[in-house]
């Protein structure tokens, strides 16, 4: 009876360990995909004496306009 328990615990441990290994490899591939999709924020954008980084001049102007419209509410 004890040997049966030991065998079952060993098998269960091996299955659990392999499932954790499979999950970690899946996360690694997701991280690679995320890093390749990162935007670059290279345009400085000054809004209310605060400098933010925007992806383009058009985005900066849009942010300035939106914030200016909210200031009047």
N, C-alpha and C. Protein backbone atom coordinates (compact mmCIF):
# COMPACT_ATOMS: atom_id res chain seq x y z
N UNK A 1 0.82 -1.20 0.00
CA UNK A 1 0.00 0.00 0.00
C UNK A 1 0.86 1.26 0.00
N UNK A 2 1.94 1.26 0.79
CA UNK A 2 2.83 2.41 0.84
C UNK A 2 3.53 2.62 -0.49
N UNK A 3 3.92 1.53 -1.14
CA UNK A 3 4.59 1.67 -2.43
C UNK A 3 3.65 2.23 -3.47
N UNK A 4 2.40 1.86 -3.42
CA UNK A 4 1.42 2.40 -4.36
C UNK A 4 1.27 3.91 -4.15
N UNK A 5 1.24 4.34 -2.91
CA UNK A 5 1.16 5.77 -2.60
C UNK A 5 2.38 6.52 -3.12
N UNK A 6 3.54 5.95 -2.90
CA UNK A 6 4.78 6.58 -3.35
C UNK A 6 4.78 6.70 -4.87
N UNK A 7 4.35 5.66 -5.56
CA UNK A 7 4.30 5.70 -7.02
C UNK A 7 3.31 6.75 -7.50
N UNK A 8 2.13 6.81 -6.89
CA UNK A 8 1.13 7.81 -7.29
C UNK A 8 1.62 9.24 -7.03
N UNK A 9 2.25 9.46 -5.90
CA UNK A 9 2.77 10.80 -5.59
C UNK A 9 3.86 11.18 -6.57
N UNK A 10 4.72 10.24 -6.92
CA UNK A 10 5.79 10.51 -7.88
C UNK A 10 5.21 10.86 -9.25
N UNK A 11 4.26 10.08 -9.71
CA UNK A 11 3.64 10.35 -11.01
C UNK A 11 2.94 11.70 -11.00
N UNK A 12 2.19 12.00 -9.94
CA UNK A 12 1.50 13.28 -9.84
C UNK A 12 2.50 14.44 -9.83
N UNK A 13 3.61 14.27 -9.13
CA UNK A 13 4.64 15.32 -9.08
C UNK A 13 5.24 15.57 -10.46
N UNK A 14 5.51 14.50 -11.20
CA UNK A 14 6.07 14.66 -12.53
C UNK A 14 5.08 15.36 -13.47
N UNK A 15 3.82 15.02 -13.37
CA UNK A 15 2.80 15.67 -14.21
C UNK A 15 2.70 17.15 -13.87
N UNK A 16 2.68 17.47 -12.60
CA UNK A 16 2.59 18.86 -12.16
C UNK A 16 3.80 19.66 -12.62
N UNK A 17 4.98 19.09 -12.49
CA UNK A 17 6.20 19.77 -12.90
C UNK A 17 6.20 20.04 -14.40
N UNK A 18 5.76 19.08 -15.20
CA UNK A 18 5.75 19.29 -16.64
C UNK A 18 4.71 20.33 -17.05
N UNK A 19 3.58 20.39 -16.33
CA UNK A 19 2.58 21.41 -16.68
C UNK A 19 3.10 22.81 -16.34
N UNK A 20 3.84 22.97 -15.24
CA UNK A 20 4.44 24.27 -14.93
C UNK A 20 5.47 24.66 -15.98
N UNK A 21 6.24 23.71 -16.46
CA UNK A 21 7.23 23.99 -17.50
C UNK A 21 6.53 24.42 -18.78
N UNK A 22 5.43 23.82 -19.13
CA UNK A 22 4.69 24.21 -20.33
C UNK A 22 4.15 25.62 -20.21
N UNK A 23 3.66 26.00 -19.03
CA UNK A 23 3.12 27.34 -18.84
C UNK A 23 4.21 28.39 -18.94
N UNK A 24 5.39 28.11 -18.42
CA UNK A 24 6.45 29.11 -18.46
C UNK A 24 6.94 29.34 -19.88
N UNK A 25 6.97 28.32 -20.71
CA UNK A 25 7.39 28.53 -22.10
C UNK A 25 6.33 29.32 -22.84
N UNK A 26 5.07 29.15 -22.51
CA UNK A 26 4.01 29.93 -23.16
C UNK A 26 4.15 31.40 -22.80
N UNK A 27 4.51 31.70 -21.55
CA UNK A 27 4.67 33.09 -21.15
C UNK A 27 5.87 33.73 -21.83
N UNK A 28 6.91 32.96 -22.05
CA UNK A 28 8.07 33.52 -22.71
C UNK A 28 7.74 33.95 -24.14
N UNK A 29 6.95 33.15 -24.84
CA UNK A 29 6.62 33.52 -26.21
C UNK A 29 5.70 34.74 -26.23
N UNK A 30 4.81 34.87 -25.24
CA UNK A 30 3.95 36.05 -25.16
C UNK A 30 4.78 37.30 -24.92
N UNK A 31 5.81 37.20 -24.06
CA UNK A 31 6.65 38.36 -23.77
C UNK A 31 7.42 38.79 -25.02
N UNK A 32 7.84 37.85 -25.83
CA UNK A 32 8.54 38.19 -27.06
C UNK A 32 7.62 38.95 -28.00
N UNK A 33 6.36 38.54 -28.08
CA UNK A 33 5.41 39.22 -28.95
C UNK A 33 5.13 40.63 -28.46
N UNK A 34 5.04 40.81 -27.15
CA UNK A 34 4.77 42.14 -26.60
C UNK A 34 5.93 43.09 -26.86
N UNK A 35 7.14 42.60 -26.72
CA UNK A 35 8.28 43.49 -26.90
C UNK A 35 8.44 43.91 -28.35
N UNK A 36 7.99 43.09 -29.29
CA UNK A 36 8.11 43.47 -30.69
C UNK A 36 7.04 44.48 -31.10
N UNK A 37 5.97 44.60 -30.31
CA UNK A 37 4.88 45.51 -30.64
C UNK A 37 4.96 46.84 -29.89
N UNK A 38 6.05 47.11 -29.21
CA UNK A 38 6.17 48.35 -28.44
C UNK A 38 6.28 49.54 -29.38
N UNK A 39 5.60 50.63 -28.99
CA UNK A 39 5.69 51.86 -29.76
C UNK A 39 6.88 52.66 -29.27
N UNK A 40 7.41 53.49 -30.13
CA UNK A 40 8.49 54.36 -29.68
C UNK A 40 7.93 55.76 -29.46
N UNK A 41 8.23 56.31 -28.33
CA UNK A 41 7.78 57.65 -27.97
C UNK A 41 8.98 58.58 -28.08
N UNK A 42 9.14 59.19 -29.24
CA UNK A 42 10.35 59.98 -29.49
C UNK A 42 10.09 61.47 -29.63
N UNK A 43 8.82 61.89 -29.60
CA UNK A 43 8.49 63.30 -29.78
C UNK A 43 8.14 63.93 -28.43
N UNK A 44 8.94 64.87 -27.94
CA UNK A 44 8.58 65.54 -26.69
C UNK A 44 7.35 66.42 -26.89
N UNK A 45 6.48 66.41 -25.89
CA UNK A 45 5.22 67.14 -25.99
C UNK A 45 5.00 67.87 -24.66
N UNK A 46 5.04 69.19 -24.68
CA UNK A 46 4.88 69.96 -23.44
C UNK A 46 3.42 70.36 -23.28
N UNK A 47 2.85 69.92 -22.16
CA UNK A 47 1.46 70.23 -21.85
C UNK A 47 1.41 70.76 -20.43
N UNK A 48 0.97 71.97 -20.26
CA UNK A 48 0.84 72.60 -18.94
C UNK A 48 2.13 72.49 -18.13
N UNK A 49 3.23 72.89 -18.73
CA UNK A 49 4.55 72.88 -18.10
C UNK A 49 5.04 71.47 -17.74
N UNK A 50 4.45 70.45 -18.35
CA UNK A 50 4.88 69.07 -18.15
C UNK A 50 5.28 68.50 -19.50
N UNK A 51 6.46 67.93 -19.57
CA UNK A 51 6.92 67.35 -20.83
C UNK A 51 6.60 65.86 -20.84
N UNK A 52 5.81 65.46 -21.82
CA UNK A 52 5.46 64.06 -22.04
C UNK A 52 6.08 63.63 -23.35
N UNK A 53 6.19 62.34 -23.56
CA UNK A 53 6.70 61.82 -24.82
C UNK A 53 5.53 61.25 -25.61
N UNK A 54 5.44 61.64 -26.87
CA UNK A 54 4.38 61.18 -27.75
C UNK A 54 4.99 60.41 -28.91
N UNK A 55 4.16 59.63 -29.59
CA UNK A 55 4.66 58.84 -30.71
C UNK A 55 4.84 59.68 -31.97
N UNK A 56 4.11 60.80 -32.06
CA UNK A 56 4.27 61.68 -33.23
C UNK A 56 3.80 63.09 -32.87
N UNK A 57 4.10 64.04 -33.74
CA UNK A 57 3.68 65.42 -33.54
C UNK A 57 2.16 65.53 -33.58
N UNK A 58 1.52 64.72 -34.43
CA UNK A 58 0.05 64.76 -34.54
C UNK A 58 -0.60 64.31 -33.23
N UNK A 59 -0.04 63.28 -32.60
CA UNK A 59 -0.57 62.80 -31.33
C UNK A 59 -0.41 63.88 -30.26
N UNK A 60 0.71 64.55 -30.27
CA UNK A 60 0.97 65.62 -29.31
C UNK A 60 -0.07 66.74 -29.47
N UNK A 61 -0.28 67.17 -30.70
CA UNK A 61 -1.24 68.25 -30.94
C UNK A 61 -2.65 67.83 -30.54
N UNK A 62 -3.00 66.58 -30.78
CA UNK A 62 -4.31 66.07 -30.38
C UNK A 62 -4.48 66.08 -28.86
N UNK A 63 -3.44 65.68 -28.15
CA UNK A 63 -3.49 65.71 -26.68
C UNK A 63 -3.63 67.13 -26.14
N UNK A 64 -2.86 68.05 -26.72
CA UNK A 64 -2.93 69.45 -26.29
C UNK A 64 -4.34 69.99 -26.52
N UNK A 65 -4.92 69.66 -27.65
CA UNK A 65 -6.27 70.14 -27.96
C UNK A 65 -7.31 69.55 -27.02
N UNK A 66 -7.20 68.26 -26.74
CA UNK A 66 -8.16 67.61 -25.83
C UNK A 66 -8.06 68.19 -24.43
N UNK A 67 -6.86 68.40 -23.95
CA UNK A 67 -6.68 68.96 -22.61
C UNK A 67 -7.17 70.40 -22.56
N UNK A 68 -6.93 71.16 -23.61
CA UNK A 68 -7.40 72.54 -23.65
C UNK A 68 -8.93 72.59 -23.61
N UNK A 69 -9.59 71.66 -24.28
CA UNK A 69 -11.06 71.62 -24.28
C UNK A 69 -11.59 71.25 -22.91
N UNK A 70 -10.91 70.40 -22.17
CA UNK A 70 -11.36 70.01 -20.85
C UNK A 70 -11.10 71.09 -19.81
N UNK A 71 -10.13 71.93 -20.03
CA UNK A 71 -9.85 73.01 -19.09
C UNK A 71 -10.99 74.03 -19.04
N UNK A 72 -11.77 74.13 -20.11
CA UNK A 72 -12.85 75.11 -20.15
C UNK A 72 -14.14 74.62 -19.54
N UNK A 73 -14.22 73.33 -19.19
CA UNK A 73 -15.45 72.77 -18.59
C UNK A 73 -15.68 73.23 -17.19
